[in-house]
Each structure stands twice: as C-alpha cells, then as structure tokens.
Amino acid sequence: EGNPADRKDRPNALWYMTGTDADTLPTDMV
C-alpha cells in the first residue's frame, strides 16, 4: 500500500510443524 515512493508491506508470516503420528495433524498452528 501507499504511493510508489513510500510503499508499506502488509504483514504476513509462514509457519510449519513436523510430527510422527498422522492422527494428530494440526488444524491450526497460529
């Protein structure tokens, strides 16, 4: 957002998990 000389990024993120039991897959990490 903003004019080309002063644009602001819009905050975002990326998460991950690993595990051993397929019955406990996460439905939300955040």
Full PDB file with SEQRES, HELIX, SHEET, SSBOND, CRYST1, ORIGX, SCALE, CONECT and MASTER records, all heavy atoms in Angstrom:
SEQRES   1 A   30  GLU GLY ASN PRO ALA ASP ARG LYS ASP ARG PRO ASN ALA          
SEQRES   2 A   30  LEU TRP TYR MET THR GLY THR ASP ALA ASP THR LEU PRO          
SEQRES   3 A   30  THR ASP MET VAL                                              
HELIX    1 AA1 PRO A    4  ASP A    6  5                                   3    
HELIX    2 AA2 ALA A   22  THR A   24  5                                   3    
CRYST1    1.000    1.000    1.000  90.00  90.00  90.00 P 1           1          
ORIGX1      1.000000  0.000000  0.000000        0.00000                         
ORIGX2      0.000000  1.000000  0.000000        0.00000                         
ORIGX3      0.000000  0.000000  1.000000        0.00000                         
SCALE1      1.000000  0.000000  0.000000        0.00000                         
SCALE2      0.000000  1.000000  0.000000        0.00000                         
SCALE3      0.000000  0.000000  1.000000        0.00000                         
ATOM      1  N   GLU A   1       0.814  -1.207   0.000  1.00  0.00           N  
ATOM      2  CA  GLU A   1       0.000   0.000   0.000  1.00  0.00           C  
ATOM      3  C   GLU A   1       0.851   1.262   0.000  1.00  0.00           C  
ATOM      4  O   GLU A   1       2.008   1.252   0.419  1.00  0.00           O  
ATOM      5  CB  GLU A   1      -0.937  -0.004   1.198  1.00  0.00           C  
ATOM      6  CG  GLU A   1      -1.948  -1.141   1.146  1.00  0.00           C  
ATOM      7  CD  GLU A   1      -3.017  -0.969   2.192  1.00  0.00           C  
ATOM      8  OE1 GLU A   1      -2.733  -0.410   3.258  1.00  0.00           O  
ATOM      9  OE2 GLU A   1      -4.158  -1.389   1.937  1.00  0.00           O  
ATOM     10  N   GLY A   2       0.243   2.337  -0.452  1.00  0.00           N  
ATOM     11  CA  GLY A   2       0.901   3.640  -0.465  1.00  0.00           C  
ATOM     12  C   GLY A   2       1.412   3.985  -1.842  1.00  0.00           C  
ATOM     13  O   GLY A   2       1.330   3.206  -2.788  1.00  0.00           O  
ATOM     14  N   ASN A   3       1.932   5.200  -1.974  1.00  0.00           N  
ATOM     15  CA  ASN A   3       2.461   5.618  -3.267  1.00  0.00           C  
ATOM     16  C   ASN A   3       3.798   4.925  -3.515  1.00  0.00           C  
ATOM     17  O   ASN A   3       4.442   4.423  -2.592  1.00  0.00           O  
ATOM     18  CB  ASN A   3       2.603   7.143  -3.311  1.00  0.00           C  
ATOM     19  CG  ASN A   3       3.572   7.654  -2.243  1.00  0.00           C  
ATOM     20  OD1 ASN A   3       4.743   7.314  -2.257  1.00  0.00           O  
ATOM     21  ND2 ASN A   3       3.076   8.476  -1.327  1.00  0.00           N  
ATOM     22  N   PRO A   4       4.233   4.873  -4.778  1.00  0.00           N  
ATOM     23  CA  PRO A   4       5.448   4.107  -5.101  1.00  0.00           C  
ATOM     24  C   PRO A   4       6.677   4.531  -4.321  1.00  0.00           C  
ATOM     25  O   PRO A   4       7.569   3.712  -4.082  1.00  0.00           O  
ATOM     26  CB  PRO A   4       5.616   4.371  -6.600  1.00  0.00           C  
ATOM     27  CG  PRO A   4       4.247   4.687  -7.093  1.00  0.00           C  
ATOM     28  CD  PRO A   4       3.567   5.407  -5.960  1.00  0.00           C  
ATOM     29  N   ALA A   5       6.755   5.787  -3.895  1.00  0.00           N  
ATOM     30  CA  ALA A   5       7.945   6.239  -3.171  1.00  0.00           C  
ATOM     31  C   ALA A   5       7.930   5.849  -1.701  1.00  0.00           C  
ATOM     32  O   ALA A   5       8.957   5.898  -1.033  1.00  0.00           O  
ATOM     33  CB  ALA A   5       8.072   7.753  -3.301  1.00  0.00           C  
ATOM     34  N   ASP A   6       6.767   5.459  -1.195  1.00  0.00           N  
ATOM     35  CA  ASP A   6       6.658   5.160   0.234  1.00  0.00           C  
ATOM     36  C   ASP A   6       5.678   4.013   0.453  1.00  0.00           C  
ATOM     37  O   ASP A   6       4.709   4.137   1.195  1.00  0.00           O  
ATOM     38  CB  ASP A   6       6.205   6.405   1.002  1.00  0.00           C  
ATOM     39  CG  ASP A   6       6.230   6.179   2.518  1.00  0.00           C  
ATOM     40  OD1 ASP A   6       7.055   5.354   2.959  1.00  0.00           O  
ATOM     41  OD2 ASP A   6       5.430   6.817   3.224  1.00  0.00           O  
ATOM     42  N   ARG A   7       5.929   2.898  -0.204  1.00  0.00           N  
ATOM     43  CA  ARG A   7       5.017   1.767  -0.068  1.00  0.00           C  
ATOM     44  C   ARG A   7       5.281   1.019   1.232  1.00  0.00           C  
ATOM     45  O   ARG A   7       6.418   0.903   1.678  1.00  0.00           O  
ATOM     46  CB  ARG A   7       5.164   0.821  -1.256  1.00  0.00           C  
ATOM     47  CG  ARG A   7       4.443   1.324  -2.498  1.00  0.00           C  
ATOM     48  CD  ARG A   7       4.426   0.253  -3.562  1.00  0.00           C  
ATOM     49  NE  ARG A   7       3.482   0.582  -4.617  1.00  0.00           N  
ATOM     50  CZ  ARG A   7       3.300  -0.155  -5.698  1.00  0.00           C  
ATOM     51  NH1 ARG A   7       3.991  -1.261  -5.863  1.00  0.00           N  
ATOM     52  NH2 ARG A   7       2.422   0.204  -6.607  1.00  0.00           N  
ATOM     53  N   LYS A   8       4.216   0.483   1.789  1.00  0.00           N  
ATOM     54  CA  LYS A   8       4.312  -0.295   3.011  1.00  0.00           C  
ATOM     55  C   LYS A   8       3.895  -1.734   2.725  1.00  0.00           C  
ATOM     56  O   LYS A   8       2.877  -1.981   2.099  1.00  0.00           O  
ATOM     57  CB  LYS A   8       3.403   0.292   4.089  1.00  0.00           C  
ATOM     58  CG  LYS A   8       3.783   1.700   4.524  1.00  0.00           C  
ATOM     59  CD  LYS A   8       2.810   2.225   5.555  1.00  0.00           C  
ATOM     60  CE  LYS A   8       3.183   3.626   6.005  1.00  0.00           C  
ATOM     61  NZ  LYS A   8       2.220   4.167   6.986  1.00  0.00           N  
ATOM     62  N   ASP A   9       4.730  -2.641   3.198  1.00  0.00           N  
ATOM     63  CA  ASP A   9       4.342  -4.039   3.101  1.00  0.00           C  
ATOM     64  C   ASP A   9       3.200  -4.317   4.066  1.00  0.00           C  
ATOM     65  O   ASP A   9       3.068  -3.662   5.105  1.00  0.00           O  
ATOM     66  CB  ASP A   9       5.532  -4.946   3.431  1.00  0.00           C  
ATOM     67  CG  ASP A   9       6.613  -4.896   2.378  1.00  0.00           C  
ATOM     68  OD1 ASP A   9       6.276  -4.682   1.208  1.00  0.00           O  
ATOM     69  OD2 ASP A   9       7.792  -5.070   2.732  1.00  0.00           O  
ATOM     70  N   ARG A  10       2.400  -5.311   3.721  1.00  0.00           N  
ATOM     71  CA  ARG A  10       1.320  -5.730   4.615  1.00  0.00           C  
ATOM     72  C   ARG A  10       1.754  -7.000   5.333  1.00  0.00           C  
ATOM     73  O   ARG A  10       2.124  -7.995   4.699  1.00  0.00           O  
ATOM     74  CB  ARG A  10       0.025  -5.925   3.823  1.00  0.00           C  
ATOM     75  CG  ARG A  10      -0.462  -4.607   3.217  1.00  0.00           C  
ATOM     76  CD  ARG A  10      -1.752  -4.770   2.464  1.00  0.00           C  
ATOM     77  NE  ARG A  10      -2.816  -5.297   3.311  1.00  0.00           N  
ATOM     78  CZ  ARG A  10      -4.060  -5.527   2.877  1.00  0.00           C  
ATOM     79  NH1 ARG A  10      -4.373  -5.272   1.617  1.00  0.00           N  
ATOM     80  NH2 ARG A  10      -4.976  -6.004   3.693  1.00  0.00           N  
ATOM     81  N   PRO A  11       1.740  -7.003   6.662  1.00  0.00           N  
ATOM     82  CA  PRO A  11       2.356  -8.082   7.433  1.00  0.00           C  
ATOM     83  C   PRO A  11       1.754  -9.456   7.153  1.00  0.00           C  
ATOM     84  O   PRO A  11       0.531  -9.616   7.058  1.00  0.00           O  
ATOM     85  CB  PRO A  11       2.106  -7.662   8.884  1.00  0.00           C  
ATOM     86  CG  PRO A  11       1.954  -6.176   8.824  1.00  0.00           C  
ATOM     87  CD  PRO A  11       1.267  -5.908   7.518  1.00  0.00           C  
ATOM     88  N   ASN A  12       2.630 -10.437   7.054  1.00  0.00           N  
ATOM     89  CA  ASN A  12       2.225 -11.834   6.885  1.00  0.00           C  
ATOM     90  C   ASN A  12       3.337 -12.722   7.395  1.00  0.00           C  
ATOM     91  O   ASN A  12       4.456 -12.261   7.672  1.00  0.00           O  
ATOM     92  CB  ASN A  12       1.893 -12.129   5.424  1.00  0.00           C  
ATOM     93  CG  ASN A  12       3.064 -11.871   4.494  1.00  0.00           C  
ATOM     94  OD1 ASN A  12       3.921 -12.736   4.300  1.00  0.00           O  
ATOM     95  ND2 ASN A  12       3.131 -10.665   3.911  1.00  0.00           N  
ATOM     96  N   ALA A  13       3.040 -13.999   7.534  1.00  0.00           N  
ATOM     97  CA  ALA A  13       4.016 -14.951   8.087  1.00  0.00           C  
ATOM     98  C   ALA A  13       3.741 -16.338   7.517  1.00  0.00           C  
ATOM     99  O   ALA A  13       2.680 -16.599   6.928  1.00  0.00           O  
ATOM    100  CB  ALA A  13       3.947 -14.969   9.613  1.00  0.00           C  
ATOM    101  N   LEU A  14       4.704 -17.236   7.723  1.00  0.00           N  
ATOM    102  CA  LEU A  14       4.576 -18.619   7.270  1.00  0.00           C  
ATOM    103  C   LEU A  14       5.104 -19.530   8.371  1.00  0.00           C  
ATOM    104  O   LEU A  14       6.188 -19.301   8.910  1.00  0.00           O  
ATOM    105  CB  LEU A  14       5.366 -18.830   5.971  1.00  0.00           C  
ATOM    106  CG  LEU A  14       5.195 -20.168   5.258  1.00  0.00           C  
ATOM    107  CD1 LEU A  14       3.740 -20.377   4.837  1.00  0.00           C  
ATOM    108  CD2 LEU A  14       6.110 -20.241   4.034  1.00  0.00           C  
ATOM    109  N   TRP A  15       4.315 -20.574   8.701  1.00  0.00           N  
ATOM    110  CA  TRP A  15       4.603 -21.471   9.819  1.00  0.00           C  
ATOM    111  C   TRP A  15       4.693 -22.913   9.339  1.00  0.00           C  
ATOM    112  O   TRP A  15       4.177 -23.265   8.281  1.00  0.00           O  
ATOM    113  CB  TRP A  15       3.496 -21.368  10.873  1.00  0.00           C  
ATOM    114  CG  TRP A  15       3.280 -19.987  11.396  1.00  0.00           C  
ATOM    115  CD1 TRP A  15       2.539 -18.990  10.801  1.00  0.00           C  
ATOM    116  CD2 TRP A  15       3.811 -19.435  12.593  1.00  0.00           C  
ATOM    117  NE1 TRP A  15       2.580 -17.848  11.560  1.00  0.00           N  
ATOM    118  CE2 TRP A  15       3.347 -18.091  12.672  1.00  0.00           C  
ATOM    119  CE3 TRP A  15       4.611 -19.926  13.615  1.00  0.00           C  
ATOM    120  CZ2 TRP A  15       3.669 -17.263  13.733  1.00  0.00           C  
ATOM    121  CZ3 TRP A  15       4.938 -19.094  14.670  1.00  0.00           C  
ATOM    122  CH2 TRP A  15       4.466 -17.782  14.722  1.00  0.00           C  
ATOM    123  N   TYR A  16       5.324 -23.749  10.187  1.00  0.00           N  
ATOM    124  CA  TYR A  16       5.359 -25.173   9.869  1.00  0.00           C  
ATOM    125  C   TYR A  16       5.442 -26.002  11.145  1.00  0.00           C  
ATOM    126  O   TYR A  16       5.798 -25.506  12.223  1.00  0.00           O  
ATOM    127  CB  TYR A  16       6.539 -25.505   8.951  1.00  0.00           C  
ATOM    128  CG  TYR A  16       7.852 -25.725   9.670  1.00  0.00           C  
ATOM    129  CD1 TYR A  16       8.358 -27.009   9.871  1.00  0.00           C  
ATOM    130  CD2 TYR A  16       8.606 -24.642  10.146  1.00  0.00           C  
ATOM    131  CE1 TYR A  16       9.562 -27.210  10.524  1.00  0.00           C  
ATOM    132  CE2 TYR A  16       9.818 -24.841  10.784  1.00  0.00           C  
ATOM    133  CZ  TYR A  16      10.289 -26.122  10.974  1.00  0.00           C  
ATOM    134  OH  TYR A  16      11.477 -26.322  11.624  1.00  0.00           O  
ATOM    135  N   MET A  17       5.116 -27.296  10.996  1.00  0.00           N  
ATOM    136  CA  MET A  17       5.262 -28.290  12.065  1.00  0.00           C  
ATOM    137  C   MET A  17       5.622 -29.623  11.435  1.00  0.00           C  
ATOM    138  O   MET A  17       5.281 -29.897  10.279  1.00  0.00           O  
ATOM    139  CB  MET A  17       3.954 -28.461  12.863  1.00  0.00           C  
ATOM    140  CG  MET A  17       3.588 -27.319  13.775  1.00  0.00           C  
ATOM    141  SD  MET A  17       2.035 -27.655  14.685  1.00  0.00           S  
ATOM    142  CE  MET A  17       2.559 -29.034  15.733  1.00  0.00           C  
ATOM    143  N   THR A  18       6.305 -30.466  12.210  1.00  0.00           N  
ATOM    144  CA  THR A  18       6.537 -31.855  11.819  1.00  0.00           C  
ATOM    145  C   THR A  18       6.085 -32.749  12.968  1.00  0.00           C  
ATOM    146  O   THR A  18       5.955 -32.298  14.112  1.00  0.00           O  
ATOM    147  CB  THR A  18       8.015 -32.132  11.498  1.00  0.00           C  
ATOM    148  OG1 THR A  18       8.795 -31.920  12.684  1.00  0.00           O  
ATOM    149  CG2 THR A  18       8.521 -31.218  10.389  1.00  0.00           C  
ATOM    150  N   GLY A  19       5.849 -34.010  12.682  1.00  0.00           N  
ATOM    151  CA  GLY A  19       5.410 -34.926  13.730  1.00  0.00           C  
ATOM    152  C   GLY A  19       5.527 -36.366  13.301  1.00  0.00           C  
ATOM    153  O   GLY A  19       5.938 -36.682  12.179  1.00  0.00           O  
ATOM    154  N   THR A  20       5.120 -37.250  14.214  1.00  0.00           N  
ATOM    155  CA  THR A  20       5.265 -38.689  13.993  1.00  0.00           C  
ATOM    156  C   THR A  20       3.945 -39.422  13.915  1.00  0.00           C  
ATOM    157  O   THR A  20       3.890 -40.526  13.400  1.00  0.00           O  
ATOM    158  CB  THR A  20       6.107 -39.325  15.115  1.00  0.00           C  
ATOM    159  OG1 THR A  20       5.468 -39.071  16.377  1.00  0.00           O  
ATOM    160  CG2 THR A  20       7.506 -38.732  15.137  1.00  0.00           C  
ATOM    161  N   ASP A  21       2.870 -38.849  14.424  1.00  0.00           N  
ATOM    162  CA  ASP A  21       1.584 -39.534  14.487  1.00  0.00           C  
ATOM    163  C   ASP A  21       0.606 -38.831  13.551  1.00  0.00           C  
ATOM    164  O   ASP A  21       0.214 -37.686  13.780  1.00  0.00           O  
ATOM    165  CB  ASP A  21       1.047 -39.517  15.924  1.00  0.00           C  
ATOM    166  CG  ASP A  21      -0.230 -40.339  16.057  1.00  0.00           C  
ATOM    167  OD1 ASP A  21      -0.742 -40.837  15.024  1.00  0.00           O  
ATOM    168  OD2 ASP A  21      -0.721 -40.478  17.192  1.00  0.00           O  
ATOM    169  N   ALA A  22       0.201 -39.512  12.470  1.00  0.00           N  
ATOM    170  CA  ALA A  22      -0.693 -38.901  11.485  1.00  0.00           C  
ATOM    171  C   ALA A  22      -2.066 -38.594  12.069  1.00  0.00           C  
ATOM    172  O   ALA A  22      -2.820 -37.808  11.492  1.00  0.00           O  
ATOM    173  CB  ALA A  22      -0.838 -39.817  10.269  1.00  0.00           C  
ATOM    174  N   ASP A  23      -2.407 -39.190  13.197  1.00  0.00           N  
ATOM    175  CA  ASP A  23      -3.709 -38.914  13.828  1.00  0.00           C  
ATOM    176  C   ASP A  23      -3.717 -37.573  14.543  1.00  0.00           C  
ATOM    177  O   ASP A  23      -4.775 -37.113  14.982  1.00  0.00           O  
ATOM    178  CB  ASP A  23      -4.072 -40.024  14.816  1.00  0.00           C  
ATOM    179  CG  ASP A  23      -4.308 -41.355  14.115  1.00  0.00           C  
ATOM    180  OD1 ASP A  23      -4.695 -41.332  12.924  1.00  0.00           O  
ATOM    181  OD2 ASP A  23      -4.092 -42.397  14.758  1.00  0.00           O  
ATOM    182  N   THR A  24      -2.564 -36.939  14.687  1.00  0.00           N  
ATOM    183  CA  THR A  24      -2.501 -35.678  15.421  1.00  0.00           C  
ATOM    184  C   THR A  24      -2.087 -34.511  14.520  1.00  0.00           C  
ATOM    185  O   THR A  24      -1.441 -33.572  14.972  1.00  0.00           O  
ATOM    186  CB  THR A  24      -1.504 -35.795  16.591  1.00  0.00           C  
ATOM    187  OG1 THR A  24      -0.191 -36.091  16.070  1.00  0.00           O  
ATOM    188  CG2 THR A  24      -1.925 -36.886  17.555  1.00  0.00           C  
ATOM    189  N   LEU A  25      -2.444 -34.564  13.242  1.00  0.00           N  
ATOM    190  CA  LEU A  25      -2.126 -33.462  12.344  1.00  0.00           C  
ATOM    191  C   LEU A  25      -2.786 -32.186  12.853  1.00  0.00           C  
ATOM    192  O   LEU A  25      -3.947 -32.187  13.263  1.00  0.00           O  
ATOM    193  CB  LEU A  25      -2.614 -33.773  10.925  1.00  0.00           C  
ATOM    194  CG  LEU A  25      -1.912 -34.911  10.187  1.00  0.00           C  
ATOM    195  CD1 LEU A  25      -2.597 -35.161   8.847  1.00  0.00           C  
ATOM    196  CD2 LEU A  25      -0.445 -34.581   9.969  1.00  0.00           C  
ATOM    197  N   PRO A  26      -2.075 -31.065  12.799  1.00  0.00           N  
ATOM    198  CA  PRO A  26      -2.643 -29.820  13.336  1.00  0.00           C  
ATOM    199  C   PRO A  26      -3.724 -29.262  12.409  1.00  0.00           C  
ATOM    200  O   PRO A  26      -3.639 -29.388  11.181  1.00  0.00           O  
ATOM    201  CB  PRO A  26      -1.437 -28.884  13.378  1.00  0.00           C  
ATOM    202  CG  PRO A  26      -0.531 -29.391  12.303  1.00  0.00           C  
ATOM    203  CD  PRO A  26      -0.701 -30.879  12.300  1.00  0.00           C  
ATOM    204  N   THR A  27      -4.736 -28.643  12.994  1.00  0.00           N  
ATOM    205  CA  THR A  27      -5.736 -27.917  12.220  1.00  0.00           C  
ATOM    206  C   THR A  27      -5.455 -26.423  12.224  1.00  0.00           C  
ATOM    207  O   THR A  27      -6.043 -25.682  11.443  1.00  0.00           O  
ATOM    208  CB  THR A  27      -7.141 -28.164  12.794  1.00  0.00           C  
ATOM    209  OG1 THR A  27      -7.157 -27.756  14.165  1.00  0.00           O  
ATOM    210  CG2 THR A  27      -7.508 -29.633  12.684  1.00  0.00           C  
ATOM    211  N   ASP A  28      -4.547 -25.982  13.094  1.00  0.00           N  
ATOM    212  CA  ASP A  28      -4.178 -24.577  13.164  1.00  0.00           C  
ATOM    213  C   ASP A  28      -2.872 -24.478  13.946  1.00  0.00           C  
ATOM    214  O   ASP A  28      -2.751 -25.036  15.034  1.00  0.00           O  
ATOM    215  CB  ASP A  28      -5.280 -23.781  13.873  1.00  0.00           C  
ATOM    216  CG  ASP A  28      -5.069 -22.281  13.778  1.00  0.00           C  
ATOM    217  OD1 ASP A  28      -4.058 -21.873  13.179  1.00  0.00           O  
ATOM    218  OD2 ASP A  28      -5.897 -21.529  14.303  1.00  0.00           O  
ATOM    219  N   MET A  29      -1.889 -23.780  13.389  1.00  0.00           N  
ATOM    220  CA  MET A  29      -0.624 -23.594  14.093  1.00  0.00           C  
ATOM    221  C   MET A  29      -0.532 -22.228  14.761  1.00  0.00           C  
ATOM    222  O   MET A  29       0.355 -21.984  15.559  1.00  0.00           O  
ATOM    223  CB  MET A  29       0.540 -23.732  13.106  1.00  0.00           C  
ATOM    224  CG  MET A  29       0.633 -25.067  12.424  1.00  0.00           C  
ATOM    225  SD  MET A  29       2.089 -25.074  11.349  1.00  0.00           S  
ATOM    226  CE  MET A  29       1.486 -26.061   9.997  1.00  0.00           C  
ATOM    227  N   VAL A  30      -1.439 -21.315  14.408  1.00  0.00           N  
ATOM    228  CA  VAL A  30      -1.352 -19.938  14.881  1.00  0.00           C  
ATOM    229  C   VAL A  30      -2.443 -19.619  15.895  1.00  0.00           C  
ATOM    230  O   VAL A  30      -2.290 -18.746  16.746  1.00  0.00           O  
ATOM    231  CB  VAL A  30      -1.432 -18.971  13.678  1.00  0.00           C  
ATOM    232  CG1 VAL A  30      -1.223 -17.531  14.117  1.00  0.00           C  
ATOM    233  CG2 VAL A  30      -0.413 -19.355  12.620  1.00  0.00           C  
TER     234      VAL A  30                                                      
MASTER        0    0    0    2    0    0    0    6  233    1    0    3          
END                                                                             
